[in-house]
PDB file of N, CA and C in Angstrom:
ATOM      1  N   UNK A   1      -1.398  40.387 -10.847  1.00  0.00           N
ATOM      2  CA  UNK A   1      -1.398  39.350 -10.566  1.00  0.00           C
ATOM      3  C   UNK A   1      -1.382  39.288  -8.870  1.00  0.00           C
ATOM      4  N   UNK A   2      -2.987  38.756  -8.448  1.00  0.00           N
ATOM      5  CA  UNK A   2      -2.999  38.805  -7.312  1.00  0.00           C
ATOM      6  C   UNK A   2      -2.684  37.190  -6.606  1.00  0.00           C
ATOM      7  N   UNK A   3      -2.246  37.636  -5.176  1.00  0.00           N
ATOM      8  CA  UNK A   3      -1.825  36.333  -4.112  1.00  0.00           C
ATOM      9  C   UNK A   3      -3.125  35.923  -3.756  1.00  0.00           C
ATOM     10  N   UNK A   4      -2.727  34.719  -3.284  1.00  0.00           N
ATOM     11  CA  UNK A   4      -3.632  34.006  -2.776  1.00  0.00           C
ATOM     12  C   UNK A   4      -3.713  33.969  -1.218  1.00  0.00           C
ATOM     13  N   UNK A   5      -4.485  34.586  -0.289  1.00  0.00           N
ATOM     14  CA  UNK A   5      -3.871  34.805   0.672  1.00  0.00           C
ATOM     15  C   UNK A   5      -3.969  33.675   2.062  1.00  0.00           C
ATOM     16  N   UNK A   6      -5.008  32.315   1.455  1.00  0.00           N
ATOM     17  CA  UNK A   6      -4.736  31.212   1.798  1.00  0.00           C
ATOM     18  C   UNK A   6      -3.467  30.225   1.782  1.00  0.00           C
ATOM     19  N   UNK A   7      -3.138  30.576   0.227  1.00  0.00           N
ATOM     20  CA  UNK A   7      -1.515  29.750   0.411  1.00  0.00           C
ATOM     21  C   UNK A   7      -0.693  30.509   1.139  1.00  0.00           C
ATOM     22  N   UNK A   8      -0.648  31.546   1.269  1.00  0.00           N
ATOM     23  CA  UNK A   8       0.335  32.277   2.025  1.00  0.00           C
ATOM     24  C   UNK A   8       0.637  32.178   3.494  1.00  0.00           C
ATOM     25  N   UNK A   9      -0.828  31.701   4.015  1.00  0.00           N
ATOM     26  CA  UNK A   9      -1.153  31.334   5.488  1.00  0.00           C
ATOM     27  C   UNK A   9      -1.014  29.944   5.741  1.00  0.00           C
ATOM     28  N   UNK A  10      -1.025  29.067   4.833  1.00  0.00           N
ATOM     29  CA  UNK A  10      -1.665  27.506   4.611  1.00  0.00           C
ATOM     30  C   UNK A  10      -0.355  26.954   6.006  1.00  0.00           C
ATOM     31  N   UNK A  11      -0.612  26.302   6.924  1.00  0.00           N
ATOM     32  CA  UNK A  11       0.807  25.511   7.773  1.00  0.00           C
ATOM     33  C   UNK A  11       0.804  24.235   7.176  1.00  0.00           C
ATOM     34  N   UNK A  12       1.304  23.639   8.260  1.00  0.00           N
ATOM     35  CA  UNK A  12       2.575  22.270   7.596  1.00  0.00           C
ATOM     36  C   UNK A  12       2.045  21.099   8.922  1.00  0.00           C
ATOM     37  N   UNK A  13       0.749  20.942   8.695  1.00  0.00           N
ATOM     38  CA  UNK A  13       0.592  19.866  10.477  1.00  0.00           C
ATOM     39  C   UNK A  13       0.366  18.480   9.674  1.00  0.00           C
ATOM     40  N   UNK A  14       1.090  17.961  10.835  1.00  0.00           N
ATOM     41  CA  UNK A  14       1.725  16.553  10.582  1.00  0.00           C
ATOM     42  C   UNK A  14       0.384  15.340  10.128  1.00  0.00           C
ATOM     43  N   UNK A  15       0.248  14.490   8.895  1.00  0.00           N
ATOM     44  CA  UNK A  15      -0.208  14.054   8.143  1.00  0.00           C
ATOM     45  C   UNK A  15      -1.336  12.884   9.286  1.00  0.00           C
ATOM     46  N   UNK A  16      -2.924  13.235   9.291  1.00  0.00           N
ATOM     47  CA  UNK A  16      -3.280  12.045  10.120  1.00  0.00           C
ATOM     48  C   UNK A  16      -3.058  10.790  10.142  1.00  0.00           C
ATOM     49  N   UNK A  17      -3.309  10.383   8.993  1.00  0.00           N
ATOM     50  CA  UNK A  17      -3.083   9.153   8.391  1.00  0.00           C
ATOM     51  C   UNK A  17      -1.857   8.745   6.800  1.00  0.00           C
ATOM     52  N   UNK A  18      -1.061   8.527   7.695  1.00  0.00           N
ATOM     53  CA  UNK A  18       0.299   8.508   6.584  1.00  0.00           C
ATOM     54  C   UNK A  18       0.221   7.493   5.621  1.00  0.00           C
ATOM     55  N   UNK A  19      -0.963   6.466   6.138  1.00  0.00           N
ATOM     56  CA  UNK A  19      -0.598   5.666   5.346  1.00  0.00           C
ATOM     57  C   UNK A  19      -1.788   5.600   4.198  1.00  0.00           C
ATOM     58  N   UNK A  20      -2.193   6.487   3.769  1.00  0.00           N
ATOM     59  CA  UNK A  20      -3.298   6.400   2.904  1.00  0.00           C
ATOM     60  C   UNK A  20      -4.870   7.382   3.544  1.00  0.00           C
ATOM     61  N   UNK A  21      -5.659   7.650   2.653  1.00  0.00           N
ATOM     62  CA  UNK A  21      -6.592   8.130   2.319  1.00  0.00           C
ATOM     63  C   UNK A  21      -7.417   7.799   4.042  1.00  0.00           C
ATOM     64  N   UNK A  22      -7.594   8.613   4.720  1.00  0.00           N
ATOM     65  CA  UNK A  22      -8.376   8.442   6.088  1.00  0.00           C
ATOM     66  C   UNK A  22      -9.623   7.351   5.884  1.00  0.00           C
ATOM     67  N   UNK A  23     -10.638   8.408   4.916  1.00  0.00           N
ATOM     68  CA  UNK A  23     -11.914   7.363   5.034  1.00  0.00           C
ATOM     69  C   UNK A  23     -11.515   6.448   4.095  1.00  0.00           C
ATOM     70  N   UNK A  24     -10.827   6.289   3.367  1.00  0.00           N
ATOM     71  CA  UNK A  24     -10.837   4.851   1.934  1.00  0.00           C
ATOM     72  C   UNK A  24     -10.048   3.872   3.397  1.00  0.00           C
ATOM     73  N   UNK A  25      -9.593   4.086   4.073  1.00  0.00           N
ATOM     74  CA  UNK A  25      -8.902   3.004   4.925  1.00  0.00           C
ATOM     75  C   UNK A  25      -9.985   2.885   5.852  1.00  0.00           C
ATOM     76  N   UNK A  26     -10.836   3.832   6.446  1.00  0.00           N
ATOM     77  CA  UNK A  26     -11.801   2.988   7.340  1.00  0.00           C
ATOM     78  C   UNK A  26     -12.824   1.867   6.695  1.00  0.00           C
ATOM     79  N   UNK A  27     -13.340   1.853   5.077  1.00  0.00           N
ATOM     80  CA  UNK A  27     -14.247   1.708   4.804  1.00  0.00           C
ATOM     81  C   UNK A  27     -13.882   0.855   3.267  1.00  0.00           C
ATOM     82  N   UNK A  28     -12.426   0.458   3.735  1.00  0.00           N
ATOM     83  CA  UNK A  28     -11.753  -0.555   2.456  1.00  0.00           C
ATOM     84  C   UNK A  28     -11.649  -0.583   1.140  1.00  0.00           C
ATOM     85  N   UNK A  29     -11.831   1.351   1.274  1.00  0.00           N
ATOM     86  CA  UNK A  29     -11.687   1.989  -0.347  1.00  0.00           C
ATOM     87  C   UNK A  29     -10.305   2.017  -0.925  1.00  0.00           C
ATOM     88  N   UNK A  30     -10.574   2.437  -2.484  1.00  0.00           N
ATOM     89  CA  UNK A  30      -9.143   2.527  -2.663  1.00  0.00           C
ATOM     90  C   UNK A  30      -8.999   4.125  -3.573  1.00  0.00           C
ATOM     91  N   UNK A  31      -7.565   4.307  -3.443  1.00  0.00           N
ATOM     92  CA  UNK A  31      -7.763   5.765  -4.122  1.00  0.00           C
ATOM     93  C   UNK A  31      -6.517   5.875  -5.331  1.00  0.00           C
ATOM     94  N   UNK A  32      -6.427   6.629  -6.160  1.00  0.00           N
ATOM     95  CA  UNK A  32      -5.211   7.033  -6.929  1.00  0.00           C
ATOM     96  C   UNK A  32      -3.964   7.674  -6.376  1.00  0.00           C
ATOM     97  N   UNK A  33      -4.376   8.899  -5.858  1.00  0.00           N
ATOM     98  CA  UNK A  33      -3.671   9.908  -5.167  1.00  0.00           C
ATOM     99  C   UNK A  33      -3.948  10.579  -4.285  1.00  0.00           C
ATOM    100  N   UNK A  34      -3.018  10.881  -2.957  1.00  0.00           N
ATOM    101  CA  UNK A  34      -3.650  11.711  -2.175  1.00  0.00           C
ATOM    102  C   UNK A  34      -3.229  12.926  -1.921  1.00  0.00           C
ATOM    103  N   UNK A  35      -4.117  13.567  -1.119  1.00  0.00           N
ATOM    104  CA  UNK A  35      -3.871  15.318  -1.021  1.00  0.00           C
ATOM    105  C   UNK A  35      -4.095  15.772   0.924  1.00  0.00           C
ATOM    106  N   UNK A  36      -3.367  16.398   1.391  1.00  0.00           N
ATOM    107  CA  UNK A  36      -3.460  16.717   2.799  1.00  0.00           C
ATOM    108  C   UNK A  36      -3.828  17.878   3.155  1.00  0.00           C
ATOM    109  N   UNK A  37      -4.584  18.178   3.855  1.00  0.00           N
ATOM    110  CA  UNK A  37      -5.388  19.504   3.827  1.00  0.00           C
ATOM    111  C   UNK A  37      -3.918  19.817   5.025  1.00  0.00           C
ATOM    112  N   UNK A  38      -3.706  21.494   4.796  1.00  0.00           N
ATOM    113  CA  UNK A  38      -3.036  22.062   5.453  1.00  0.00           C
ATOM    114  C   UNK A  38      -3.186  22.662   6.942  1.00  0.00           C
ATOM    115  N   UNK A  39      -4.576  22.443   6.894  1.00  0.00           N
ATOM    116  CA  UNK A  39      -5.379  22.760   8.129  1.00  0.00           C
ATOM    117  C   UNK A  39      -5.112  22.084   9.377  1.00  0.00           C
ATOM    118  N   UNK A  40      -5.909  21.346   9.111  1.00  0.00           N
ATOM    119  CA  UNK A  40      -5.839  19.970   9.870  1.00  0.00           C
ATOM    120  C   UNK A  40      -4.888  18.367   9.801  1.00  0.00           C
ATOM    121  N   UNK A  41      -4.390  18.620   8.775  1.00  0.00           N
ATOM    122  CA  UNK A  41      -3.194  17.203   8.395  1.00  0.00           C
ATOM    123  C   UNK A  41      -4.247  15.909   7.622  1.00  0.00           C
ATOM    124  N   UNK A  42      -6.016  16.663   7.607  1.00  0.00           N
ATOM    125  CA  UNK A  42      -6.419  15.044   7.400  1.00  0.00           C
ATOM    126  C   UNK A  42      -5.916  14.565   5.774  1.00  0.00           C
ATOM    127  N   UNK A  43      -5.800  13.469   5.918  1.00  0.00           N
ATOM    128  CA  UNK A  43      -5.738  12.730   4.138  1.00  0.00           C
ATOM    129  C   UNK A  43      -6.636  12.427   3.879  1.00  0.00           C
ATOM    130  N   UNK A  44      -7.022  12.905   2.308  1.00  0.00           N
ATOM    131  CA  UNK A  44      -7.715  12.273   1.681  1.00  0.00           C
ATOM    132  C   UNK A  44      -7.295  11.988   0.003  1.00  0.00           C
ATOM    133  N   UNK A  45      -8.426  11.116  -0.682  1.00  0.00           N
ATOM    134  CA  UNK A  45      -7.670  10.790  -1.682  1.00  0.00           C
ATOM    135  C   UNK A  45      -8.301  11.957  -2.723  1.00  0.00           C
ATOM    136  N   UNK A  46      -8.224  11.635  -4.200  1.00  0.00           N
ATOM    137  CA  UNK A  46      -8.253  13.074  -4.938  1.00  0.00           C
ATOM    138  C   UNK A  46      -9.426  12.807  -5.840  1.00  0.00           C
ATOM    139  N   UNK A  47      -9.146  13.789  -6.665  1.00  0.00           N
ATOM    140  CA  UNK A  47     -10.439  13.665  -7.547  1.00  0.00           C
ATOM    141  C   UNK A  47     -10.389  12.874  -8.381  1.00  0.00           C
ATOM    142  N   UNK A  48      -9.684  12.007  -8.741  1.00  0.00           N
ATOM    143  CA  UNK A  48      -9.238  11.161  -9.655  1.00  0.00           C
ATOM    144  C   UNK A  48      -9.646   9.555  -8.402  1.00  0.00           C
ATOM    145  N   UNK A  49     -10.201   9.796  -7.580  1.00  0.00           N
ATOM    146  CA  UNK A  49     -10.215   8.382  -6.898  1.00  0.00           C
ATOM    147  C   UNK A  49     -11.988   8.149  -6.833  1.00  0.00           C
ATOM    148  N   UNK A  50     -11.913   7.375  -6.777  1.00  0.00           N
ATOM    149  CA  UNK A  50     -13.589   7.389  -7.188  1.00  0.00           C
ATOM    150  C   UNK A  50     -14.580   8.042  -5.910  1.00  0.00           C
ATOM    151  N   UNK A  51     -13.560   8.132  -4.669  1.00  0.00           N
ATOM    152  CA  UNK A  51     -14.969   8.838  -3.756  1.00  0.00           C
ATOM    153  C   UNK A  51     -14.538  10.615  -3.696  1.00  0.00           C
ATOM    154  N   UNK A  52     -13.316  10.319  -3.769  1.00  0.00           N
ATOM    155  CA  UNK A  52     -12.873  12.200  -4.145  1.00  0.00           C
ATOM    156  C   UNK A  52     -13.059  12.829  -2.397  1.00  0.00           C
ATOM    157  N   UNK A  53     -12.539  12.627  -1.697  1.00  0.00           N
ATOM    158  CA  UNK A  53     -12.270  13.062  -0.126  1.00  0.00           C
ATOM    159  C   UNK A  53     -11.478  13.466   0.055  1.00  0.00           C
ATOM    160  N   UNK A  54     -10.599  14.059  -0.520  1.00  0.00           N
ATOM    161  CA  UNK A  54      -9.924  15.980  -0.263  1.00  0.00           C
ATOM    162  C   UNK A  54     -10.520  16.594  -0.899  1.00  0.00           C
ATOM    163  N   UNK A  55     -11.955  16.428  -1.596  1.00  0.00           N
ATOM    164  CA  UNK A  55     -12.839  17.378  -1.978  1.00  0.00           C
ATOM    165  C   UNK A  55     -14.003  17.387  -0.723  1.00  0.00           C
ATOM    166  N   UNK A  56     -14.177  16.288  -1.094  1.00  0.00           N
ATOM    167  CA  UNK A  56     -15.293  16.264   0.097  1.00  0.00           C
ATOM    168  C   UNK A  56     -15.143  17.026   1.664  1.00  0.00           C
ATOM    169  N   UNK A  57     -13.869  16.766   2.293  1.00  0.00           N
ATOM    170  CA  UNK A  57     -13.174  16.791   3.330  1.00  0.00           C
ATOM    171  C   UNK A  57     -13.120  18.641   3.487  1.00  0.00           C
ATOM    172  N   UNK A  58     -13.033  19.614   1.875  1.00  0.00           N
ATOM    173  CA  UNK A  58     -12.883  21.033   1.756  1.00  0.00           C
ATOM    174  C   UNK A  58     -14.862  21.092   1.992  1.00  0.00           C
ATOM    175  N   UNK A  59     -15.468  20.582   1.291  1.00  0.00           N
ATOM    176  CA  UNK A  59     -16.606  20.757   1.133  1.00  0.00           C
ATOM    177  C   UNK A  59     -17.492  20.855   2.861  1.00  0.00           C
ATOM    178  N   UNK A  60     -17.056  19.966   3.387  1.00  0.00           N
ATOM    179  CA  UNK A  60     -17.186  19.845   4.921  1.00  0.00           C
ATOM    180  C   UNK A  60     -16.989  20.609   6.475  1.00  0.00           C
ATOM    181  N   UNK A  61     -15.521  20.939   5.839  1.00  0.00           N
ATOM    182  CA  UNK A  61     -14.933  22.167   6.518  1.00  0.00           C
ATOM    183  C   UNK A  61     -14.591  23.272   6.448  1.00  0.00           C
ATOM    184  N   UNK A  62     -14.523  23.203   5.224  1.00  0.00           N
ATOM    185  CA  UNK A  62     -13.924  25.038   4.922  1.00  0.00           C
ATOM    186  C   UNK A  62     -12.206  25.127   4.883  1.00  0.00           C
ATOM    187  N   UNK A  63     -11.860  24.212   4.760  1.00  0.00           N
ATOM    188  CA  UNK A  63     -10.336  24.499   4.919  1.00  0.00           C
ATOM    189  C   UNK A  63      -9.792  24.171   3.987  1.00  0.00           C
ATOM    190  N   UNK A  64      -9.241  25.890   3.412  1.00  0.00           N
ATOM    191  CA  UNK A  64      -9.472  26.301   2.314  1.00  0.00           C
ATOM    192  C   UNK A  64      -7.740  25.639   1.139  1.00  0.00           C
ATOM    193  N   UNK A  65      -6.448  25.018   2.228  1.00  0.00           N
ATOM    194  CA  UNK A  65      -5.714  24.790   1.390  1.00  0.00           C
ATOM    195  C   UNK A  65      -5.248  22.794   1.252  1.00  0.00           C
ATOM    196  N   UNK A  66      -5.018  22.521   0.061  1.00  0.00           N
ATOM    197  CA  UNK A  66      -4.654  21.092   0.247  1.00  0.00           C
ATOM    198  C   UNK A  66      -3.275  20.783  -0.513  1.00  0.00           C
ATOM    199  N   UNK A  67      -2.663  19.913  -0.178  1.00  0.00           N
ATOM    200  CA  UNK A  67      -1.203  19.902  -0.566  1.00  0.00           C
ATOM    201  C   UNK A  67      -1.156  18.745  -1.375  1.00  0.00           C
ATOM    202  N   UNK A  68      -0.795  18.188  -2.231  1.00  0.00           N
ATOM    203  CA  UNK A  68      -0.383  16.695  -3.045  1.00  0.00           C
ATOM    204  C   UNK A  68       0.618  15.927  -1.499  1.00  0.00           C
ATOM    205  N   UNK A  69      -0.118  14.833  -1.310  1.00  0.00           N
ATOM    206  CA  UNK A  69       1.106  14.164  -0.219  1.00  0.00           C
ATOM    207  C   UNK A  69       1.476  12.693  -0.947  1.00  0.00           C
ATOM    208  N   UNK A  70       1.807  13.071  -2.543  1.00  0.00           N
ATOM    209  CA  UNK A  70       2.159  12.377  -3.282  1.00  0.00           C
ATOM    210  C   UNK A  70       4.131  12.664  -2.918  1.00  0.00           C
ATOM    211  N   UNK A  71       4.788  11.247  -3.123  1.00  0.00           N
ATOM    212  CA  UNK A  71       6.149  11.739  -2.835  1.00  0.00           C
ATOM    213  C   UNK A  71       6.992  11.746  -4.186  1.00  0.00           C
ATOM    214  N   UNK A  72       7.606  13.364  -4.132  1.00  0.00           N
ATOM    215  CA  UNK A  72       8.233  13.604  -4.752  1.00  0.00           C
ATOM    216  C   UNK A  72       7.743  15.596  -5.266  1.00  0.00           C
ATOM    217  N   UNK A  73       5.962  15.278  -4.679  1.00  0.00           N
ATOM    218  CA  UNK A  73       5.396  16.709  -5.356  1.00  0.00           C
ATOM    219  C   UNK A  73       4.905  17.702  -4.317  1.00  0.00           C
ATOM    220  N   UNK A  74       5.333  18.571  -4.263  1.00  0.00           N
ATOM    221  CA  UNK A  74       5.002  19.489  -3.698  1.00  0.00           C
ATOM    222  C   UNK A  74       4.144  20.669  -3.411  1.00  0.00           C
ATOM    223  N   UNK A  75       3.110  20.219  -4.773  1.00  0.00           N
ATOM    224  CA  UNK A  75       2.007  21.966  -5.048  1.00  0.00           C
ATOM    225  C   UNK A  75       1.132  21.322  -4.417  1.00  0.00           C
ATOM    226  N   UNK A  76       0.660  22.678  -4.102  1.00  0.00           N
ATOM    227  CA  UNK A  76      -0.884  23.171  -2.558  1.00  0.00           C
ATOM    228  C   UNK A  76      -1.682  23.802  -4.184  1.00  0.00           C
ATOM    229  N   UNK A  77      -3.051  23.542  -3.672  1.00  0.00           N
ATOM    230  CA  UNK A  77      -3.705  23.811  -4.260  1.00  0.00           C
ATOM    231  C   UNK A  77      -5.147  25.113  -3.106  1.00  0.00           C
ATOM    232  N   UNK A  78      -5.452  25.987  -3.521  1.00  0.00           N
ATOM    233  CA  UNK A  78      -6.889  26.258  -2.733  1.00  0.00           C
ATOM    234  C   UNK A  78      -8.236  26.264  -3.744  1.00  0.00           C
ATOM    235  N   UNK A  79      -9.065  25.788  -2.671  1.00  0.00           N
ATOM    236  CA  UNK A  79     -10.248  25.686  -3.211  1.00  0.00           C
ATOM    237  C   UNK A  79     -10.961  26.875  -3.495  1.00  0.00           C
ATOM    238  N   UNK A  80     -10.800  28.017  -2.539  1.00  0.00           N
ATOM    239  CA  UNK A  80     -11.615  28.917  -2.611  1.00  0.00           C
ATOM    240  C   UNK A  80     -10.837  29.734  -3.610  1.00  0.00           C
ATOM    241  N   UNK A  81      -9.699  30.068  -3.920  1.00  0.00           N
ATOM    242  CA  UNK A  81      -9.367  31.068  -5.407  1.00  0.00           C
ATOM    243  C   UNK A  81      -9.350  30.239  -6.412  1.00  0.00           C
ATOM    244  N   UNK A  82      -9.261  29.029  -6.291  1.00  0.00           N
ATOM    245  CA  UNK A  82      -8.950  28.115  -7.519  1.00  0.00           C
ATOM    246  C   UNK A  82      -7.409  28.237  -7.789  1.00  0.00           C
ATOM    247  N   UNK A  83      -6.905  28.145  -7.286  1.00  0.00           N
ATOM    248  CA  UNK A  83      -5.418  28.769  -7.340  1.00  0.00           C
ATOM    249  C   UNK A  83      -4.417  27.761  -6.589  1.00  0.00           C
ATOM    250  N   UNK A  84      -3.131  27.744  -7.692  1.00  0.00           N
ATOM    251  CA  UNK A  84      -2.233  26.747  -7.663  1.00  0.00           C
ATOM    252  C   UNK A  84      -0.610  27.310  -7.313  1.00  0.00           C
ATOM    253  N   UNK A  85      -0.460  26.794  -6.331  1.00  0.00           N
ATOM    254  CA  UNK A  85       1.254  26.536  -5.599  1.00  0.00           C
ATOM    255  C   UNK A  85       2.228  26.192  -5.863  1.00  0.00           C
TER     256      UNK A  85
END
């Protein structure tokens, strides 16, 4: 089994908008679940949300790893390697 280097090297930045999805808050949108970028701390909404801002953030920035920003969840996802930890 190979190890995802992106997950191993992921940082732990503070959330930029701890109260919700950055773009949804600015536009008055809604979200289902939140995700935090582990490179810059961007908080975006999940792919079950109408605007899928976490995935859009990856496509715009190439920041590879996001983590669930839901209470009690700590899993991480690498967009590049399609790997979860």
